[in-house]
Amino acid sequence: SLAAERYLKPCAEIVDVGTGAGFPGLPLLILRRDLKLTLMDSLQKRLVFLEAVLKELGLSAELVHARAEDAGQNPKYRERFDAALTRAVSGLPVLCELTLPLVKVGGISIAYKGDASEELAASGNALKLLHATAERVDASADYGARELVILKKHGTTPKQYPRKAGTPAKNPL
């Protein structure tokens, strides 16, 4: 979870999309109290759990009950964040559409992956349409091969993205 820490600027506003049990967002917040963290998930019960964890740890984060597709069209969240994080959410072509609309121009989306070569090869069209480039970074550890895929956003997301809920997963860009 901490592998992305060096890519997060001081006081960065970050969103952990599909946070689940709070990974990677919570460990990063524990390490970096300067981060402004938003934990986003489509299931309210996960956010109730995370609210209790945050209280127990004396930490503060915004909890957002929303699908990324809906949040990406909401002016409150669209192009707001310095960085978006995902771990075990979806394939890279789908993650491009779910996260890049949430990130400011010049910001990044960081996907935690195993071997991302095939997913990256399939992401060319999504990267082009969403005005981003991708870089693979080795984050291997004792427990196995891991990579971070860092998507750098170079332009404003076209208004039609993200498409309505469920569409990116069914028909990736």
C-alpha atoms as a PDB file:
ATOM      1  CA  SER A   1       0.000   0.000   0.000  1.00  0.00           C
ATOM      2  CA  LEU A   2       2.853   2.397   0.704  1.00  0.00           C
ATOM      3  CA  ALA A   3       4.520   1.933  -2.705  1.00  0.00           C
ATOM      4  CA  ALA A   4       2.807   5.027  -4.143  1.00  0.00           C
ATOM      5  CA  GLU A   5       3.856   7.358  -1.307  1.00  0.00           C
ATOM      6  CA  ARG A   6       6.841   8.833  -3.146  1.00  0.00           C
ATOM      7  CA  TYR A   7       4.564   9.943  -6.021  1.00  0.00           C
ATOM      8  CA  LEU A   8       2.240  11.977  -3.800  1.00  0.00           C
ATOM      9  CA  LYS A   9       3.173  15.626  -3.425  1.00  0.00           C
ATOM     10  CA  PRO A  10       2.967  17.310   0.015  1.00  0.00           C
ATOM     11  CA  CYS A  11      -0.615  18.026   1.126  1.00  0.00           C
ATOM     12  CA  ALA A  12      -1.976  16.223  -1.944  1.00  0.00           C
ATOM     13  CA  GLU A  13      -5.715  15.733  -2.234  1.00  0.00           C
ATOM     14  CA  ILE A  14      -6.171  12.056  -3.095  1.00  0.00           C
ATOM     15  CA  VAL A  15      -9.094   9.725  -3.698  1.00  0.00           C
ATOM     16  CA  ASP A  16      -8.990   5.981  -3.087  1.00  0.00           C
ATOM     17  CA  VAL A  17     -11.519   4.675  -5.635  1.00  0.00           C
ATOM     18  CA  GLY A  18     -13.235   1.406  -4.705  1.00  0.00           C
ATOM     19  CA  THR A  19     -11.458   1.562  -1.374  1.00  0.00           C
ATOM     20  CA  GLY A  20     -13.022  -1.578   0.115  1.00  0.00           C
ATOM     21  CA  ALA A  21     -11.350  -2.023   3.511  1.00  0.00           C
ATOM     22  CA  GLY A  22      -9.328   1.160   3.027  1.00  0.00           C
ATOM     23  CA  PHE A  23      -6.354  -0.051   1.038  1.00  0.00           C
ATOM     24  CA  PRO A  24      -4.171   1.662  -0.087  1.00  0.00           C
ATOM     25  CA  GLY A  25      -5.622   4.928   1.266  1.00  0.00           C
ATOM     26  CA  LEU A  26      -5.559   4.262   5.022  1.00  0.00           C
ATOM     27  CA  PRO A  27      -1.930   3.077   5.246  1.00  0.00           C
ATOM     28  CA  LEU A  28      -0.864   6.108   3.217  1.00  0.00           C
ATOM     29  CA  LEU A  29      -2.795   8.415   5.551  1.00  0.00           C
ATOM     30  CA  ILE A  30      -1.190   6.778   8.591  1.00  0.00           C
ATOM     31  CA  LEU A  31       2.241   7.433   7.080  1.00  0.00           C
ATOM     32  CA  ARG A  32       1.408  10.850   5.629  1.00  0.00           C
ATOM     33  CA  ARG A  33      -0.918  12.872   7.862  1.00  0.00           C
ATOM     34  CA  ASP A  34      -0.558  15.804   5.436  1.00  0.00           C
ATOM     35  CA  LEU A  35      -2.648  14.038   2.789  1.00  0.00           C
ATOM     36  CA  LYS A  36      -6.261  15.058   2.243  1.00  0.00           C
ATOM     37  CA  LEU A  37      -7.842  11.647   1.705  1.00  0.00           C
ATOM     38  CA  THR A  38     -11.213  10.760   0.239  1.00  0.00           C
ATOM     39  CA  LEU A  39     -12.298   7.133   0.541  1.00  0.00           C
ATOM     40  CA  MET A  40     -14.852   6.309  -2.179  1.00  0.00           C
ATOM     41  CA  ASP A  41     -16.859   3.112  -2.407  1.00  0.00           C
ATOM     42  CA  SER A  42     -20.177   1.986  -3.848  1.00  0.00           C
ATOM     43  CA  LEU A  43     -21.142   0.041  -0.695  1.00  0.00           C
ATOM     44  CA  GLN A  44     -22.228   2.053   2.335  1.00  0.00           C
ATOM     45  CA  LYS A  45     -21.426  -0.766   4.793  1.00  0.00           C
ATOM     46  CA  ARG A  46     -17.745  -0.535   3.859  1.00  0.00           C
ATOM     47  CA  LEU A  47     -17.789   3.181   4.584  1.00  0.00           C
ATOM     48  CA  VAL A  48     -19.464   2.586   7.965  1.00  0.00           C
ATOM     49  CA  PHE A  49     -16.592   0.227   8.806  1.00  0.00           C
ATOM     50  CA  LEU A  50     -14.010   2.768   7.617  1.00  0.00           C
ATOM     51  CA  GLU A  51     -15.649   5.512   9.679  1.00  0.00           C
ATOM     52  CA  ALA A  52     -15.122   3.370  12.789  1.00  0.00           C
ATOM     53  CA  VAL A  53     -11.505   2.619  11.817  1.00  0.00           C
ATOM     54  CA  LEU A  54     -10.765   6.307  11.238  1.00  0.00           C
ATOM     55  CA  LYS A  55     -12.283   7.219  14.608  1.00  0.00           C
ATOM     56  CA  GLU A  56     -10.295   4.505  16.405  1.00  0.00           C
ATOM     57  CA  LEU A  57      -7.048   5.664  14.788  1.00  0.00           C
ATOM     58  CA  GLY A  58      -7.767   9.360  15.331  1.00  0.00           C
ATOM     59  CA  LEU A  59      -7.604  10.045  11.594  1.00  0.00           C
ATOM     60  CA  SER A  60      -9.755  12.175   9.342  1.00  0.00           C
ATOM     61  CA  ALA A  61     -10.874  11.445   5.789  1.00  0.00           C
ATOM     62  CA  GLU A  62     -13.868  12.236   3.620  1.00  0.00           C
ATOM     63  CA  LEU A  63     -16.105   9.218   3.030  1.00  0.00           C
ATOM     64  CA  VAL A  64     -18.027   9.182  -0.244  1.00  0.00           C
ATOM     65  CA  HIS A  65     -20.738   6.650  -1.037  1.00  0.00           C
ATOM     66  CA  ALA A  66     -20.728   6.662  -4.844  1.00  0.00           C
ATOM     67  CA  ARG A  67     -19.786   4.732  -7.923  1.00  0.00           C
ATOM     68  CA  ALA A  68     -16.764   6.236  -9.648  1.00  0.00           C
ATOM     69  CA  GLU A  69     -18.792   6.706 -12.841  1.00  0.00           C
ATOM     70  CA  ASP A  70     -21.272   8.917 -10.990  1.00  0.00           C
ATOM     71  CA  ALA A  71     -18.627  10.787  -9.001  1.00  0.00           C
ATOM     72  CA  GLY A  72     -16.702  11.511 -12.194  1.00  0.00           C
ATOM     73  CA  GLN A  73     -19.714  13.394 -13.580  1.00  0.00           C
ATOM     74  CA  ASN A  74     -20.407  15.210 -10.297  1.00  0.00           C
ATOM     75  CA  PRO A  75     -18.920  18.763 -10.296  1.00  0.00           C
ATOM     76  CA  LYS A  76     -17.999  18.294  -6.617  1.00  0.00           C
ATOM     77  CA  TYR A  77     -15.506  15.539  -7.523  1.00  0.00           C
ATOM     78  CA  ARG A  78     -14.742  15.987 -11.226  1.00  0.00           C
ATOM     79  CA  GLU A  79     -11.131  17.048 -11.850  1.00  0.00           C
ATOM     80  CA  ARG A  80     -10.696  17.813  -8.138  1.00  0.00           C
ATOM     81  CA  PHE A  81      -7.937  15.451  -7.004  1.00  0.00           C
ATOM     82  CA  ASP A  82      -4.155  15.559  -7.321  1.00  0.00           C
ATOM     83  CA  ALA A  83      -4.101  11.760  -7.385  1.00  0.00           C
ATOM     84  CA  ALA A  84      -6.462   8.802  -7.590  1.00  0.00           C
ATOM     85  CA  LEU A  85      -5.519   5.369  -6.248  1.00  0.00           C
ATOM     86  CA  THR A  86      -6.915   1.943  -7.120  1.00  0.00           C
ATOM     87  CA  ARG A  87      -6.069  -1.543  -5.929  1.00  0.00           C
ATOM     88  CA  ALA A  88      -7.906  -4.664  -7.127  1.00  0.00           C
ATOM     89  CA  VAL A  89     -10.739  -2.678  -8.730  1.00  0.00           C
ATOM     90  CA  SER A  90     -10.683  -3.470 -12.462  1.00  0.00           C
ATOM     91  CA  GLY A  91      -8.547  -3.804 -15.575  1.00  0.00           C
ATOM     92  CA  LEU A  92      -6.496  -0.815 -16.655  1.00  0.00           C
ATOM     93  CA  PRO A  93      -8.672   0.272 -19.617  1.00  0.00           C
ATOM     94  CA  VAL A  94     -11.632   0.523 -17.212  1.00  0.00           C
ATOM     95  CA  LEU A  95      -9.563   2.202 -14.487  1.00  0.00           C
ATOM     96  CA  CYS A  96      -8.580   4.936 -16.928  1.00  0.00           C
ATOM     97  CA  GLU A  97     -12.235   5.857 -17.382  1.00  0.00           C
ATOM     98  CA  LEU A  98     -13.104   5.501 -13.681  1.00  0.00           C
ATOM     99  CA  THR A  99     -10.231   7.547 -12.260  1.00  0.00           C
ATOM    100  CA  LEU A 100      -8.964  10.095 -14.785  1.00  0.00           C
ATOM    101  CA  PRO A 101     -12.183  12.191 -14.718  1.00  0.00           C
ATOM    102  CA  LEU A 102     -11.607  12.644 -10.963  1.00  0.00           C
ATOM    103  CA  VAL A 103      -8.017  13.886 -11.387  1.00  0.00           C
ATOM    104  CA  LYS A 104      -6.919  17.460 -12.135  1.00  0.00           C
ATOM    105  CA  VAL A 105      -5.043  18.187 -15.347  1.00  0.00           C
ATOM    106  CA  GLY A 106      -1.409  17.495 -14.422  1.00  0.00           C
ATOM    107  CA  GLY A 107      -2.499  15.006 -11.764  1.00  0.00           C
ATOM    108  CA  ILE A 108      -1.976  11.261 -11.656  1.00  0.00           C
ATOM    109  CA  SER A 109      -3.898   8.055 -11.237  1.00  0.00           C
ATOM    110  CA  ILE A 110      -1.947   5.207  -9.654  1.00  0.00           C
ATOM    111  CA  ALA A 111      -3.078   1.619 -10.211  1.00  0.00           C
ATOM    112  CA  TYR A 112      -1.566  -1.137  -8.071  1.00  0.00           C
ATOM    113  CA  LYS A 113      -1.031  -4.163 -10.336  1.00  0.00           C
ATOM    114  CA  GLY A 114       0.859  -7.414 -10.732  1.00  0.00           C
ATOM    115  CA  ASP A 115       2.309  -7.671 -14.246  1.00  0.00           C
ATOM    116  CA  ALA A 116       0.545  -4.873 -16.113  1.00  0.00           C
ATOM    117  CA  SER A 117       2.022  -5.416 -19.585  1.00  0.00           C
ATOM    118  CA  GLU A 118      -1.123  -6.899 -21.189  1.00  0.00           C
ATOM    119  CA  GLU A 119      -3.476  -4.420 -19.516  1.00  0.00           C
ATOM    120  CA  LEU A 120      -1.272  -1.528 -20.554  1.00  0.00           C
ATOM    121  CA  ALA A 121      -1.224  -2.744 -24.162  1.00  0.00           C
ATOM    122  CA  ALA A 122      -5.047  -2.813 -24.109  1.00  0.00           C
ATOM    123  CA  SER A 123      -5.244   0.735 -22.702  1.00  0.00           C
ATOM    124  CA  GLY A 124      -3.949   2.701 -25.680  1.00  0.00           C
ATOM    125  CA  ASN A 125      -7.352   3.912 -26.870  1.00  0.00           C
ATOM    126  CA  ALA A 126      -8.516   4.853 -23.353  1.00  0.00           C
ATOM    127  CA  LEU A 127      -5.321   6.811 -22.717  1.00  0.00           C
ATOM    128  CA  LYS A 128      -5.702   8.679 -26.014  1.00  0.00           C
ATOM    129  CA  LEU A 129      -9.399   9.520 -25.477  1.00  0.00           C
ATOM    130  CA  LEU A 130      -8.810  10.630 -21.877  1.00  0.00           C
ATOM    131  CA  HIS A 131      -5.630  12.630 -22.590  1.00  0.00           C
ATOM    132  CA  ALA A 132      -3.218  10.614 -20.487  1.00  0.00           C
ATOM    133  CA  THR A 133       0.052   8.719 -20.691  1.00  0.00           C
ATOM    134  CA  ALA A 134       1.120   5.688 -18.670  1.00  0.00           C
ATOM    135  CA  GLU A 135       4.335   4.614 -16.987  1.00  0.00           C
ATOM    136  CA  ARG A 136       5.044   1.251 -15.354  1.00  0.00           C
ATOM    137  CA  VAL A 137       7.060   1.326 -12.127  1.00  0.00           C
ATOM    138  CA  ASP A 138       8.467  -1.790 -10.470  1.00  0.00           C
ATOM    139  CA  ALA A 139       7.222  -2.135  -6.885  1.00  0.00           C
ATOM    140  CA  SER A 140       8.277  -5.741  -6.279  1.00  0.00           C
ATOM    141  CA  ALA A 141       8.804  -6.955  -2.742  1.00  0.00           C
ATOM    142  CA  ASP A 142       9.528 -10.197  -0.888  1.00  0.00           C
ATOM    143  CA  TYR A 143       5.951 -11.334  -1.479  1.00  0.00           C
ATOM    144  CA  GLY A 144       6.142 -11.154  -5.281  1.00  0.00           C
ATOM    145  CA  ALA A 145       6.221  -9.092  -8.445  1.00  0.00           C
ATOM    146  CA  ARG A 146       4.183  -5.919  -8.247  1.00  0.00           C
ATOM    147  CA  GLU A 147       3.923  -2.810 -10.383  1.00  0.00           C
ATOM    148  CA  LEU A 148       2.416   0.607 -10.142  1.00  0.00           C
ATOM    149  CA  VAL A 149       0.940   2.005 -13.317  1.00  0.00           C
ATOM    150  CA  ILE A 150       1.060   5.767 -13.136  1.00  0.00           C
ATOM    151  CA  LEU A 151      -1.341   7.534 -15.454  1.00  0.00           C
ATOM    152  CA  LYS A 152      -0.454  11.190 -16.012  1.00  0.00           C
ATOM    153  CA  LYS A 153      -3.349  13.407 -17.086  1.00  0.00           C
ATOM    154  CA  HIS A 154      -2.419  15.974 -19.759  1.00  0.00           C
ATOM    155  CA  GLY A 155      -5.780  17.491 -20.691  1.00  0.00           C
ATOM    156  CA  THR A 156      -9.352  18.034 -19.562  1.00  0.00           C
ATOM    157  CA  THR A 157     -11.556  14.943 -19.631  1.00  0.00           C
ATOM    158  CA  PRO A 158     -14.144  15.096 -22.419  1.00  0.00           C
ATOM    159  CA  LYS A 159     -17.658  15.643 -21.016  1.00  0.00           C
ATOM    160  CA  GLN A 160     -18.967  12.242 -22.126  1.00  0.00           C
ATOM    161  CA  TYR A 161     -16.582  10.416 -19.762  1.00  0.00           C
ATOM    162  CA  PRO A 162     -17.068   8.582 -17.580  1.00  0.00           C
ATOM    163  CA  ARG A 163     -20.021   6.913 -19.208  1.00  0.00           C
ATOM    164  CA  LYS A 164     -23.016   5.784 -17.126  1.00  0.00           C
ATOM    165  CA  ALA A 165     -22.531   3.260 -14.317  1.00  0.00           C
ATOM    166  CA  GLY A 166     -21.603  -0.215 -15.503  1.00  0.00           C
ATOM    167  CA  THR A 167     -20.805   0.786 -19.086  1.00  0.00           C
ATOM    168  CA  PRO A 168     -16.998   1.094 -18.708  1.00  0.00           C
ATOM    169  CA  ALA A 169     -16.736  -2.457 -17.349  1.00  0.00           C
ATOM    170  CA  LYS A 170     -19.062  -3.908 -20.011  1.00  0.00           C
ATOM    171  CA  ASN A 171     -17.546  -1.996 -22.921  1.00  0.00           C
ATOM    172  CA  PRO A 172     -14.016  -0.699 -22.093  1.00  0.00           C
ATOM    173  CA  LEU A 173     -12.683   2.154 -24.213  1.00  0.00           C
END
